[in-house]
């Protein structure tokens, strides 16, 4: 999705906000206390509820799936039927590895504190196959980071369990060797980490202490 136009009224202290012909990057700037955070929070809340007449968006589809759901190239959420189409797109639970066509919220306070340890289990389902709630990306950065960190540890443990189960089955079947050509579960995380925080590098995951180094 790509937002082309925003209209908002009565998100005090902002009484009227309207902007169109948006580029891929939009910066809302101003002195402290003029309502920037309240405005952005109001826009995010609208995407969560898609109700109210004081906010509307013109949104362009950026892939075939979005265009099929919209039934056209772009929608205007001030039109109730178009707002329902956006609801149909946003409020779909998705697999973690295929998350797309959603809203990702980066709040002004991006400190990460008090990350909860992952409750240990002998076996974890593959987090790539986990179904995520449709609004998981609307949460704060700290919650998303905790979820990502837990997914890393789940993926590592899931792979270990899968390898062990395969080795046991091969042994039972009379085999004396096993193909060890399996992928490193941290590879996609290392790639994303380097793209976002380079030149820093994500090296290892300490399962015992549940920290990333």
N, C-alpha and C. Protein backbone atom coordinates (compact mmCIF):
# COMPACT_ATOMS: atom_id res chain seq x y z
N UNK A 1 0.83 -1.19 0.00
CA UNK A 1 0.00 0.00 0.00
C UNK A 1 0.87 1.25 0.00
N UNK A 2 0.33 2.28 -0.54
CA UNK A 2 1.01 3.58 -0.54
C UNK A 2 -0.02 4.68 -0.30
N UNK A 3 0.22 5.47 0.72
CA UNK A 3 -0.70 6.56 1.05
C UNK A 3 -0.44 7.73 0.11
N UNK A 4 -1.47 8.17 -0.59
CA UNK A 4 -1.33 9.28 -1.53
C UNK A 4 -1.88 10.59 -0.96
N UNK A 5 -2.86 10.47 -0.06
CA UNK A 5 -3.50 11.68 0.46
C UNK A 5 -4.01 11.43 1.87
N UNK A 6 -3.89 12.45 2.75
CA UNK A 6 -4.39 12.37 4.12
C UNK A 6 -5.23 13.60 4.40
N UNK A 7 -6.39 13.38 5.01
CA UNK A 7 -7.22 14.47 5.51
C UNK A 7 -7.61 14.14 6.95
N UNK A 8 -7.42 15.12 7.84
CA UNK A 8 -7.77 14.91 9.25
C UNK A 8 -8.24 16.22 9.84
N UNK A 9 -9.29 16.13 10.62
CA UNK A 9 -9.84 17.31 11.27
C UNK A 9 -10.12 17.01 12.74
N UNK A 10 -9.92 18.03 13.56
CA UNK A 10 -10.32 17.92 14.97
C UNK A 10 -9.48 17.00 15.81
N UNK A 11 -8.23 16.76 15.44
CA UNK A 11 -7.32 16.01 16.32
C UNK A 11 -6.52 17.06 17.08
N UNK A 12 -7.14 17.60 18.11
CA UNK A 12 -6.60 18.77 18.82
C UNK A 12 -5.23 18.48 19.42
N UNK A 13 -4.36 19.49 19.37
CA UNK A 13 -4.59 20.89 18.98
C UNK A 13 -4.61 21.15 17.47
N UNK A 14 -4.45 20.11 16.64
CA UNK A 14 -4.52 20.30 15.19
C UNK A 14 -6.00 20.31 14.78
N UNK A 15 -6.45 21.40 14.19
CA UNK A 15 -7.86 21.49 13.79
C UNK A 15 -8.09 21.01 12.36
N UNK A 16 -7.09 21.20 11.49
CA UNK A 16 -7.26 20.77 10.10
C UNK A 16 -5.90 20.41 9.52
N UNK A 17 -5.82 19.19 8.98
CA UNK A 17 -4.57 18.71 8.37
C UNK A 17 -4.93 18.06 7.05
N UNK A 18 -4.34 18.54 5.97
CA UNK A 18 -4.63 17.98 4.66
C UNK A 18 -3.37 18.05 3.81
N UNK A 19 -3.03 16.93 3.18
CA UNK A 19 -1.84 16.86 2.35
C UNK A 19 -2.06 15.84 1.25
N UNK A 20 -1.59 16.14 0.05
CA UNK A 20 -1.76 15.20 -1.06
C UNK A 20 -0.46 15.13 -1.86
N UNK A 21 -0.48 14.29 -2.91
CA UNK A 21 0.71 14.06 -3.73
C UNK A 21 1.92 13.68 -2.89
N UNK A 22 1.69 12.75 -1.95
CA UNK A 22 2.74 12.37 -1.02
C UNK A 22 3.84 11.57 -1.71
N UNK A 23 5.07 11.80 -1.29
CA UNK A 23 6.20 11.00 -1.75
C UNK A 23 6.31 9.75 -0.87
N UNK A 24 7.31 8.92 -1.13
CA UNK A 24 7.47 7.72 -0.33
C UNK A 24 7.87 8.02 1.11
N UNK A 25 8.51 9.15 1.34
CA UNK A 25 8.90 9.56 2.68
C UNK A 25 8.25 10.89 3.01
N UNK A 26 7.53 10.93 4.13
CA UNK A 26 6.86 12.15 4.57
C UNK A 26 7.33 12.48 5.98
N UNK A 27 7.77 13.70 6.19
CA UNK A 27 8.22 14.15 7.50
C UNK A 27 7.25 15.20 8.01
N UNK A 28 6.71 14.96 9.21
CA UNK A 28 5.86 15.95 9.88
C UNK A 28 6.71 16.61 10.95
N UNK A 29 7.04 17.86 10.76
CA UNK A 29 7.96 18.56 11.64
C UNK A 29 7.30 19.78 12.26
N UNK A 30 7.81 20.18 13.42
CA UNK A 30 7.29 21.36 14.09
C UNK A 30 7.80 21.41 15.51
N UNK A 31 7.62 22.55 16.19
CA UNK A 31 8.08 22.68 17.58
C UNK A 31 7.34 21.72 18.51
N UNK A 32 7.89 21.51 19.69
CA UNK A 32 7.22 20.69 20.69
C UNK A 32 5.88 21.30 21.08
N UNK A 33 4.89 20.46 21.27
CA UNK A 33 3.61 20.92 21.77
C UNK A 33 2.60 21.34 20.73
N UNK A 34 2.93 21.20 19.44
CA UNK A 34 1.98 21.64 18.42
C UNK A 34 1.03 20.53 17.99
N UNK A 35 1.25 19.29 18.47
CA UNK A 35 0.29 18.22 18.20
C UNK A 35 0.76 17.15 17.23
N UNK A 36 2.05 17.08 16.95
CA UNK A 36 2.54 16.09 15.98
C UNK A 36 2.24 14.66 16.44
N UNK A 37 2.58 14.36 17.69
CA UNK A 37 2.38 13.00 18.20
C UNK A 37 0.90 12.65 18.26
N UNK A 38 0.07 13.58 18.69
CA UNK A 38 -1.38 13.33 18.75
C UNK A 38 -1.95 13.08 17.36
N UNK A 39 -1.46 13.84 16.40
CA UNK A 39 -1.92 13.66 15.02
C UNK A 39 -1.57 12.26 14.52
N UNK A 40 -0.32 11.87 14.67
CA UNK A 40 0.11 10.56 14.18
C UNK A 40 -0.61 9.44 14.94
N UNK A 41 -0.78 9.60 16.25
CA UNK A 41 -1.51 8.61 17.03
C UNK A 41 -2.95 8.48 16.54
N UNK A 42 -3.56 9.61 16.22
CA UNK A 42 -4.93 9.59 15.70
C UNK A 42 -5.02 8.86 14.36
N UNK A 43 -4.03 9.07 13.50
CA UNK A 43 -4.01 8.39 12.20
C UNK A 43 -3.84 6.88 12.38
N UNK A 44 -2.97 6.48 13.30
CA UNK A 44 -2.77 5.06 13.57
C UNK A 44 -4.04 4.44 14.13
N UNK A 45 -4.68 5.12 15.06
CA UNK A 45 -5.93 4.61 15.64
C UNK A 45 -7.02 4.46 14.59
N UNK A 46 -7.02 5.35 13.62
CA UNK A 46 -8.01 5.22 12.54
C UNK A 46 -7.79 3.92 11.77
N UNK A 47 -6.54 3.61 11.46
CA UNK A 47 -6.24 2.37 10.74
C UNK A 47 -6.66 1.14 11.55
N UNK A 48 -6.61 1.25 12.89
CA UNK A 48 -7.01 0.12 13.73
C UNK A 48 -8.51 -0.06 13.75
N UNK A 49 -9.25 1.05 13.71
CA UNK A 49 -10.71 0.97 13.85
C UNK A 49 -11.46 1.24 12.55
N UNK A 50 -10.83 2.04 11.67
CA UNK A 50 -11.46 2.43 10.40
C UNK A 50 -12.89 2.93 10.62
N UNK A 51 -13.01 3.82 11.60
CA UNK A 51 -14.31 4.43 11.88
C UNK A 51 -14.10 5.92 12.14
N UNK A 52 -15.16 6.67 12.02
CA UNK A 52 -15.09 8.11 12.21
C UNK A 52 -15.02 8.84 10.88
N UNK A 53 -15.55 10.05 10.87
CA UNK A 53 -15.62 10.82 9.63
C UNK A 53 -14.60 11.95 9.58
N UNK A 54 -13.77 12.08 10.62
CA UNK A 54 -12.83 13.21 10.64
C UNK A 54 -11.48 12.88 10.02
N UNK A 55 -11.26 11.60 9.63
CA UNK A 55 -9.99 11.19 9.03
C UNK A 55 -10.30 10.37 7.78
N UNK A 56 -9.53 10.60 6.74
CA UNK A 56 -9.67 9.76 5.54
C UNK A 56 -8.33 9.71 4.82
N UNK A 57 -8.15 8.63 4.05
CA UNK A 57 -6.93 8.42 3.28
C UNK A 57 -7.29 8.05 1.85
N UNK A 58 -6.45 8.47 0.93
CA UNK A 58 -6.47 7.90 -0.41
C UNK A 58 -5.26 6.98 -0.48
N UNK A 59 -5.52 5.70 -0.78
CA UNK A 59 -4.47 4.68 -0.72
C UNK A 59 -4.37 3.97 -2.06
N UNK A 60 -3.14 3.84 -2.53
CA UNK A 60 -2.87 3.19 -3.80
C UNK A 60 -2.40 1.75 -3.57
N UNK A 61 -2.94 0.83 -4.32
CA UNK A 61 -2.48 -0.56 -4.27
C UNK A 61 -1.09 -0.65 -4.90
N UNK A 62 -0.21 -1.45 -4.28
CA UNK A 62 1.15 -1.58 -4.80
C UNK A 62 1.48 -3.02 -5.19
N UNK A 63 0.49 -3.92 -5.13
CA UNK A 63 0.71 -5.28 -5.65
C UNK A 63 -0.63 -5.83 -6.11
N UNK A 64 -0.59 -6.96 -6.78
CA UNK A 64 -1.80 -7.52 -7.39
C UNK A 64 -2.83 -7.93 -6.34
N UNK A 65 -2.36 -8.46 -5.20
CA UNK A 65 -3.30 -8.88 -4.16
C UNK A 65 -4.10 -7.70 -3.63
N UNK A 66 -3.42 -6.59 -3.37
CA UNK A 66 -4.11 -5.40 -2.89
C UNK A 66 -5.10 -4.89 -3.93
N UNK A 67 -4.69 -4.87 -5.18
CA UNK A 67 -5.57 -4.37 -6.23
C UNK A 67 -6.78 -5.28 -6.40
N UNK A 68 -6.61 -6.58 -6.22
CA UNK A 68 -7.74 -7.51 -6.32
C UNK A 68 -8.74 -7.27 -5.18
N UNK A 69 -8.22 -7.02 -3.97
CA UNK A 69 -9.10 -6.77 -2.83
C UNK A 69 -9.82 -5.43 -2.99
N UNK A 70 -9.08 -4.41 -3.44
CA UNK A 70 -9.69 -3.10 -3.64
C UNK A 70 -10.66 -3.10 -4.82
N UNK A 71 -10.39 -3.94 -5.81
CA UNK A 71 -11.19 -3.93 -7.02
C UNK A 71 -10.86 -2.77 -7.94
N UNK A 72 -9.78 -2.07 -7.65
CA UNK A 72 -9.32 -0.93 -8.44
C UNK A 72 -7.94 -0.54 -7.95
N UNK A 73 -7.33 0.42 -8.60
CA UNK A 73 -5.95 0.79 -8.29
C UNK A 73 -5.83 1.56 -6.99
N UNK A 74 -6.82 2.38 -6.65
CA UNK A 74 -6.75 3.13 -5.41
C UNK A 74 -8.13 3.29 -4.80
N UNK A 75 -8.14 3.51 -3.48
CA UNK A 75 -9.39 3.69 -2.75
C UNK A 75 -9.35 4.97 -1.94
N UNK A 76 -10.53 5.46 -1.60
CA UNK A 76 -10.69 6.65 -0.77
C UNK A 76 -11.53 6.24 0.43
N UNK A 77 -10.93 6.24 1.63
CA UNK A 77 -11.64 5.71 2.80
C UNK A 77 -12.78 6.61 3.28
N UNK A 78 -12.93 7.80 2.69
CA UNK A 78 -14.11 8.61 3.02
C UNK A 78 -15.36 7.99 2.41
N UNK A 79 -15.17 7.07 1.48
CA UNK A 79 -16.28 6.32 0.87
C UNK A 79 -16.44 5.02 1.68
N UNK A 80 -17.58 4.80 2.32
CA UNK A 80 -17.75 3.64 3.21
C UNK A 80 -17.38 2.30 2.55
N UNK A 81 -17.74 2.11 1.29
CA UNK A 81 -17.42 0.85 0.62
C UNK A 81 -15.91 0.66 0.49
N UNK A 82 -15.19 1.76 0.25
CA UNK A 82 -13.73 1.68 0.15
C UNK A 82 -13.11 1.40 1.51
N UNK A 83 -13.67 2.01 2.56
CA UNK A 83 -13.16 1.75 3.91
C UNK A 83 -13.33 0.28 4.27
N UNK A 84 -14.44 -0.33 3.85
CA UNK A 84 -14.67 -1.76 4.10
C UNK A 84 -13.63 -2.62 3.36
N UNK A 85 -13.26 -2.20 2.18
CA UNK A 85 -12.24 -2.94 1.42
C UNK A 85 -10.89 -2.87 2.13
N UNK A 86 -10.56 -1.71 2.70
CA UNK A 86 -9.31 -1.59 3.44
C UNK A 86 -9.36 -2.45 4.70
N UNK A 87 -10.51 -2.50 5.35
CA UNK A 87 -10.67 -3.38 6.51
C UNK A 87 -10.41 -4.83 6.11
N UNK A 88 -10.94 -5.22 4.96
CA UNK A 88 -10.75 -6.58 4.49
C UNK A 88 -9.29 -6.91 4.23
N UNK A 89 -8.51 -5.90 3.84
CA UNK A 89 -7.09 -6.13 3.60
C UNK A 89 -6.30 -6.16 4.90
N UNK A 90 -6.56 -5.20 5.79
CA UNK A 90 -5.76 -5.07 7.00
C UNK A 90 -6.05 -6.15 8.03
N UNK A 91 -7.32 -6.48 8.20
CA UNK A 91 -7.69 -7.35 9.32
C UNK A 91 -7.67 -8.83 8.92
N UNK A 92 -6.53 -9.25 8.43
CA UNK A 92 -6.29 -10.65 8.07
C UNK A 92 -5.07 -11.14 8.84
N UNK A 93 -5.23 -12.22 9.60
CA UNK A 93 -4.07 -12.81 10.26
C UNK A 93 -3.14 -13.40 9.21
N UNK A 94 -1.84 -13.22 9.41
CA UNK A 94 -0.86 -13.66 8.43
C UNK A 94 0.25 -14.46 9.09
N UNK A 95 0.91 -15.29 8.28
CA UNK A 95 2.09 -15.99 8.78
C UNK A 95 3.23 -15.00 8.95
N UNK A 96 4.04 -15.27 9.96
CA UNK A 96 5.13 -14.37 10.28
C UNK A 96 6.04 -14.12 9.06
N UNK A 97 6.35 -15.18 8.32
CA UNK A 97 7.31 -15.04 7.22
C UNK A 97 6.70 -14.36 6.00
N UNK A 98 5.37 -14.17 5.99
CA UNK A 98 4.73 -13.57 4.82
C UNK A 98 3.97 -12.29 5.17
N UNK A 99 4.36 -11.65 6.25
CA UNK A 99 3.66 -10.45 6.68
C UNK A 99 3.83 -9.34 5.65
N UNK A 100 2.70 -8.80 5.19
CA UNK A 100 2.75 -7.73 4.19
C UNK A 100 1.43 -6.96 4.23
N UNK A 101 1.41 -5.85 3.51
CA UNK A 101 0.20 -5.02 3.39
C UNK A 101 -0.37 -4.66 4.76
N UNK A 102 0.48 -4.11 5.61
CA UNK A 102 0.04 -3.71 6.94
C UNK A 102 0.64 -2.36 7.29
N UNK A 103 0.34 -1.90 8.49
CA UNK A 103 0.87 -0.63 9.00
C UNK A 103 1.89 -0.95 10.08
N UNK A 104 3.06 -0.34 10.00
CA UNK A 104 4.09 -0.52 11.02
C UNK A 104 4.27 0.80 11.74
N UNK A 105 4.06 0.77 13.06
CA UNK A 105 4.09 1.99 13.87
C UNK A 105 5.43 2.12 14.58
N UNK A 106 6.12 3.23 14.34
CA UNK A 106 7.34 3.57 15.07
C UNK A 106 7.04 4.80 15.92
N UNK A 107 6.84 4.60 17.21
CA UNK A 107 6.49 5.70 18.09
C UNK A 107 7.69 6.59 18.35
N UNK A 108 7.44 7.78 18.89
CA UNK A 108 8.53 8.73 19.14
C UNK A 108 9.47 8.23 20.22
N UNK A 109 8.95 7.51 21.21
CA UNK A 109 9.80 6.91 22.25
C UNK A 109 10.18 5.51 21.80
N UNK A 110 11.41 5.34 21.32
CA UNK A 110 11.83 4.06 20.77
C UNK A 110 12.82 3.33 21.68
N UNK A 111 12.77 3.63 22.98
CA UNK A 111 13.63 2.91 23.92
C UNK A 111 13.10 1.50 24.12
N UNK A 112 14.01 0.56 24.30
CA UNK A 112 13.64 -0.84 24.49
C UNK A 112 14.11 -1.27 25.87
N UNK A 113 13.17 -1.56 26.75
CA UNK A 113 13.48 -1.93 28.12
C UNK A 113 12.59 -3.08 28.57
N UNK A 114 13.06 -3.77 29.62
CA UNK A 114 12.26 -4.81 30.28
C UNK A 114 11.75 -5.87 29.31
N UNK A 115 12.66 -6.41 28.49
CA UNK A 115 12.29 -7.49 27.59
C UNK A 115 12.09 -8.76 28.40
N UNK A 116 10.95 -9.39 28.26
CA UNK A 116 10.64 -10.60 29.02
C UNK A 116 11.34 -11.81 28.39
N UNK A 117 11.84 -12.67 29.26
CA UNK A 117 12.48 -13.88 28.77
C UNK A 117 11.43 -14.81 28.18
N UNK A 118 11.84 -15.58 27.20
CA UNK A 118 10.95 -16.57 26.57
C UNK A 118 10.79 -17.76 27.50
N UNK A 119 9.57 -18.14 27.79
CA UNK A 119 9.31 -19.31 28.64
C UNK A 119 9.81 -20.56 27.94
N UNK A 120 10.68 -21.32 28.56
CA UNK A 120 11.32 -22.45 27.91
C UNK A 120 10.34 -23.61 27.72
N UNK A 121 10.45 -24.24 26.56
CA UNK A 121 9.75 -25.48 26.25
C UNK A 121 10.74 -26.40 25.55
N UNK A 122 10.51 -27.71 25.65
CA UNK A 122 11.40 -28.64 24.97
C UNK A 122 11.23 -28.56 23.45
N UNK A 123 10.01 -28.24 23.02
CA UNK A 123 9.76 -28.12 21.59
C UNK A 123 8.95 -26.85 21.33
N UNK A 124 9.31 -26.18 20.24
CA UNK A 124 8.57 -25.00 19.80
C UNK A 124 8.12 -25.23 18.37
N UNK A 125 6.94 -24.76 18.03
CA UNK A 125 6.55 -24.81 16.61
C UNK A 125 7.45 -23.88 15.82
N UNK A 126 7.58 -24.13 14.54
CA UNK A 126 8.38 -23.27 13.68
C UNK A 126 7.74 -21.88 13.65
N UNK A 127 8.44 -20.85 14.15
CA UNK A 127 7.84 -19.51 14.19
C UNK A 127 7.51 -18.95 12.81
N UNK A 128 8.18 -19.50 11.74
CA UNK A 128 7.86 -19.04 10.38
C UNK A 128 6.41 -19.38 10.03
N UNK A 129 5.87 -20.42 10.66
CA UNK A 129 4.52 -20.87 10.36
C UNK A 129 3.49 -20.31 11.33
N UNK A 130 3.93 -19.54 12.32
CA UNK A 130 3.01 -18.97 13.30
C UNK A 130 2.06 -17.96 12.65
N UNK A 131 0.81 -17.99 13.07
CA UNK A 131 -0.16 -17.00 12.63
C UNK A 131 -0.10 -15.79 13.56
N UNK A 132 0.14 -14.62 13.00
CA UNK A 132 0.20 -13.39 13.78
C UNK A 132 -1.14 -12.67 13.73
N UNK A 133 -1.49 -12.01 14.81
CA UNK A 133 -2.69 -11.19 14.82
C UNK A 133 -2.56 -10.06 13.81
N UNK A 134 -3.66 -9.65 13.22
CA UNK A 134 -3.62 -8.68 12.12
C UNK A 134 -3.03 -7.34 12.57
N UNK A 135 -3.15 -7.01 13.87
CA UNK A 135 -2.69 -5.69 14.32
C UNK A 135 -1.37 -5.76 15.09
N UNK A 136 -0.60 -6.86 14.91
CA UNK A 136 0.66 -6.99 15.66
C UNK A 136 1.63 -5.86 15.34
N UNK A 137 1.62 -5.35 14.12
CA UNK A 137 2.57 -4.31 13.74
C UNK A 137 2.16 -2.92 14.22
N UNK A 138 0.95 -2.81 14.80
CA UNK A 138 0.51 -1.53 15.34
C UNK A 138 1.09 -1.27 16.72
N UNK A 139 1.61 -2.32 17.37
CA UNK A 139 2.18 -2.17 18.70
C UNK A 139 3.48 -1.40 18.67
N UNK A 140 3.96 -1.04 19.85
CA UNK A 140 5.19 -0.27 19.95
C UNK A 140 6.41 -1.07 19.55
N UNK A 141 7.51 -0.35 19.34
CA UNK A 141 8.76 -0.98 18.91
C UNK A 141 9.24 -2.00 19.92
N UNK A 142 9.11 -1.69 21.21
CA UNK A 142 9.60 -2.62 22.25
C UNK A 142 8.88 -3.95 22.16
N UNK A 143 7.57 -3.93 21.94
CA UNK A 143 6.81 -5.18 21.83
C UNK A 143 7.21 -5.96 20.59
N UNK A 144 7.43 -5.26 19.48
CA UNK A 144 7.82 -5.95 18.25
C UNK A 144 9.22 -6.54 18.38
N UNK A 145 10.11 -5.81 19.06
CA UNK A 145 11.47 -6.33 19.24
C UNK A 145 11.45 -7.57 20.13
N UNK A 146 10.63 -7.53 21.19
CA UNK A 146 10.52 -8.72 22.05
C UNK A 146 9.99 -9.90 21.27
N UNK A 147 8.98 -9.67 20.44
CA UNK A 147 8.42 -10.74 19.62
C UNK A 147 9.45 -11.29 18.64
N UNK A 148 10.24 -10.38 18.03
CA UNK A 148 11.28 -10.82 17.09
C UNK A 148 12.36 -11.62 17.80
N UNK A 149 12.79 -11.14 18.97
CA UNK A 149 13.82 -11.85 19.72
C UNK A 149 13.33 -13.24 20.12
N UNK A 150 12.09 -13.33 20.57
CA UNK A 150 11.53 -14.64 20.92
C UNK A 150 11.45 -15.54 19.70
N UNK A 151 11.11 -14.96 18.55
CA UNK A 151 11.03 -15.76 17.32
C UNK A 151 12.39 -16.33 16.96
N UNK A 152 13.46 -15.57 17.18
CA UNK A 152 14.81 -16.07 16.90
C UNK A 152 15.11 -17.30 17.75
N UNK A 153 14.84 -17.20 19.04
CA UNK A 153 15.13 -18.32 19.93
C UNK A 153 14.23 -19.53 19.63
N UNK A 154 12.97 -19.25 19.29
CA UNK A 154 12.07 -20.34 18.92
C UNK A 154 12.57 -21.04 17.66
N UNK A 155 13.04 -20.25 16.70
CA UNK A 155 13.53 -20.83 15.44
C UNK A 155 14.74 -21.72 15.69
N UNK A 156 15.65 -21.26 16.52
CA UNK A 156 16.85 -22.05 16.83
C UNK A 156 16.46 -23.36 17.51
N UNK A 157 15.59 -23.28 18.52
CA UNK A 157 15.19 -24.48 19.24
C UNK A 157 14.37 -25.41 18.36
N UNK A 158 13.52 -24.83 17.50
CA UNK A 158 12.72 -25.64 16.59
C UNK A 158 13.62 -26.41 15.63
N UNK A 159 14.66 -25.76 15.14
CA UNK A 159 15.58 -26.44 14.23
C UNK A 159 16.34 -27.55 14.96
N UNK A 160 16.78 -27.28 16.18
CA UNK A 160 17.49 -28.30 16.94
C UNK A 160 16.60 -29.53 17.15
N UNK A 161 15.34 -29.31 17.50
CA UNK A 161 14.42 -30.42 17.72
C UNK A 161 14.20 -31.20 16.43
N UNK A 162 14.08 -30.48 15.30
CA UNK A 162 13.86 -31.13 14.02
C UNK A 162 15.07 -31.98 13.62
N UNK A 163 16.27 -31.45 13.83
CA UNK A 163 17.49 -32.19 13.49
C UNK A 163 17.62 -33.43 14.37
N UNK A 164 17.34 -33.28 15.66
CA UNK A 164 17.44 -34.41 16.57
C UNK A 164 16.44 -35.51 16.20
N UNK A 165 15.20 -35.09 15.89
CA UNK A 165 14.18 -36.07 15.53
C UNK A 165 14.57 -36.80 14.24
N UNK A 166 15.14 -36.07 13.28
CA UNK A 166 15.57 -36.68 12.03
C UNK A 166 16.72 -37.67 12.27
N UNK A 167 17.66 -37.30 13.13
CA UNK A 167 18.79 -38.19 13.43
C UNK A 167 18.32 -39.48 14.09
N UNK A 168 17.39 -39.35 15.02
CA UNK A 168 16.87 -40.54 15.72
C UNK A 168 16.16 -41.47 14.73
N UNK A 169 15.37 -40.87 13.83
CA UNK A 169 14.65 -41.69 12.85
C UNK A 169 15.61 -42.39 11.90
N UNK A 170 16.66 -41.68 11.45
CA UNK A 170 17.65 -42.29 10.56
C UNK A 170 18.36 -43.45 11.26
N UNK A 171 18.68 -43.26 12.54
CA UNK A 171 19.33 -44.33 13.30
C UNK A 171 18.43 -45.55 13.39
N UNK A 172 17.14 -45.31 13.64
CA UNK A 172 16.19 -46.43 13.72
C UNK A 172 16.07 -47.15 12.39
N UNK A 173 16.22 -46.39 11.31
CA UNK A 173 16.11 -46.99 9.98
C UNK A 173 17.41 -47.66 9.52
N UNK A 174 18.42 -47.68 10.40
CA UNK A 174 19.65 -48.38 10.09
C UNK A 174 20.74 -47.55 9.44
N UNK A 175 20.55 -46.25 9.34
CA UNK A 175 21.57 -45.39 8.74
C UNK A 175 22.66 -45.05 9.76
N UNK A 176 23.87 -44.85 9.26
CA UNK A 176 24.99 -44.52 10.12
C UNK A 176 25.51 -43.10 9.88
N UNK A 177 24.88 -42.38 8.98
CA UNK A 177 25.32 -41.02 8.66
C UNK A 177 24.10 -40.14 8.37
N UNK A 178 24.32 -38.83 8.44
CA UNK A 178 23.23 -37.88 8.23
C UNK A 178 23.76 -36.67 7.48
N UNK A 179 23.00 -36.18 6.54
CA UNK A 179 23.35 -34.97 5.80
C UNK A 179 23.26 -33.76 6.73
N UNK A 180 24.35 -33.05 6.89
CA UNK A 180 24.38 -31.89 7.78
C UNK A 180 24.27 -30.57 7.03
N UNK A 181 23.79 -30.61 5.82
CA UNK A 181 23.67 -29.40 5.02
C UNK A 181 22.35 -28.70 5.32
N UNK A 182 22.22 -28.15 6.53
CA UNK A 182 21.02 -27.39 6.89
C UNK A 182 21.39 -25.92 7.05
N UNK A 183 20.42 -25.06 6.90
CA UNK A 183 20.67 -23.61 6.89
C UNK A 183 20.83 -23.07 8.30
N UNK A 184 21.47 -21.93 8.39
CA UNK A 184 21.62 -21.21 9.66
C UNK A 184 20.35 -20.39 9.87
N UNK A 185 19.58 -20.63 10.94
CA UNK A 185 18.33 -19.89 11.14
C UNK A 185 18.53 -18.40 11.37
N UNK A 186 19.75 -17.99 11.70
CA UNK A 186 19.99 -16.58 11.95
C UNK A 186 20.28 -15.77 10.68
N UNK A 187 20.47 -16.47 9.55
CA UNK A 187 20.85 -15.77 8.32
C UNK A 187 19.89 -14.64 7.94
N UNK A 188 18.56 -14.86 7.89
CA UNK A 188 17.68 -13.74 7.52
C UNK A 188 17.69 -12.61 8.53
N UNK A 189 17.89 -12.96 9.83
CA UNK A 189 17.96 -11.91 10.85
C UNK A 189 19.24 -11.10 10.71
N UNK A 190 20.36 -11.79 10.42
CA UNK A 190 21.62 -11.07 10.23
C UNK A 190 21.52 -10.10 9.04
N UNK A 191 20.87 -10.55 7.97
CA UNK A 191 20.73 -9.70 6.80
C UNK A 191 19.91 -8.46 7.12
N UNK A 192 18.78 -8.64 7.80
CA UNK A 192 17.93 -7.50 8.17
C UNK A 192 18.65 -6.58 9.15
N UNK A 193 19.37 -7.17 10.11
CA UNK A 193 20.10 -6.39 11.11
C UNK A 193 21.14 -5.50 10.44
N UNK A 194 21.88 -6.07 9.49
CA UNK A 194 22.92 -5.31 8.80
C UNK A 194 22.32 -4.18 7.96
N UNK A 195 21.17 -4.45 7.33
CA UNK A 195 20.53 -3.42 6.51
C UNK A 195 20.02 -2.27 7.36
N UNK A 196 19.54 -2.58 8.56
CA UNK A 196 18.96 -1.55 9.42
C UNK A 196 19.99 -0.85 10.29
N UNK A 197 20.98 -1.59 10.77
CA UNK A 197 21.90 -1.06 11.77
C UNK A 197 23.36 -1.16 11.36
N UNK A 198 23.64 -1.41 10.06
CA UNK A 198 25.03 -1.50 9.61
C UNK A 198 25.81 -0.24 9.97
N UNK A 199 27.10 -0.36 10.26
CA UNK A 199 27.95 -1.53 10.07
C UNK A 199 27.93 -2.54 11.23
N UNK A 200 27.01 -2.37 12.19
CA UNK A 200 26.92 -3.36 13.26
C UNK A 200 26.45 -4.69 12.69
N UNK A 201 26.88 -5.77 13.32
CA UNK A 201 26.59 -7.11 12.83
C UNK A 201 26.01 -7.96 13.95
N UNK A 202 24.94 -8.69 13.64
CA UNK A 202 24.38 -9.65 14.58
C UNK A 202 25.18 -10.94 14.46
N UNK A 203 25.88 -11.30 15.51
CA UNK A 203 26.79 -12.43 15.43
C UNK A 203 26.15 -13.73 15.89
N UNK A 204 25.69 -13.77 17.13
CA UNK A 204 25.21 -15.02 17.70
C UNK A 204 24.01 -14.78 18.60
N UNK A 205 23.34 -15.87 18.94
CA UNK A 205 22.23 -15.84 19.90
C UNK A 205 22.59 -16.78 21.05
N UNK A 206 22.63 -16.24 22.25
CA UNK A 206 22.95 -17.03 23.44
C UNK A 206 21.63 -17.54 24.01
N UNK A 207 21.33 -18.83 23.78
CA UNK A 207 20.07 -19.41 24.21
C UNK A 207 19.93 -19.42 25.73
N UNK A 208 21.02 -19.67 26.43
CA UNK A 208 20.95 -19.80 27.88
C UNK A 208 20.64 -18.47 28.54
N UNK A 209 21.32 -17.41 28.08
CA UNK A 209 21.09 -16.09 28.68
C UNK A 209 20.02 -15.30 27.94
N UNK A 210 19.57 -15.82 26.79
CA UNK A 210 18.57 -15.17 25.95
C UNK A 210 18.97 -13.74 25.60
N UNK A 211 20.16 -13.63 25.04
CA UNK A 211 20.63 -12.33 24.55
C UNK A 211 21.21 -12.53 23.15
N UNK A 212 21.18 -11.46 22.36
CA UNK A 212 21.78 -11.46 21.04
C UNK A 212 23.07 -10.68 21.11
N UNK A 213 24.11 -11.17 20.46
CA UNK A 213 25.41 -10.52 20.51
C UNK A 213 25.89 -10.14 19.12
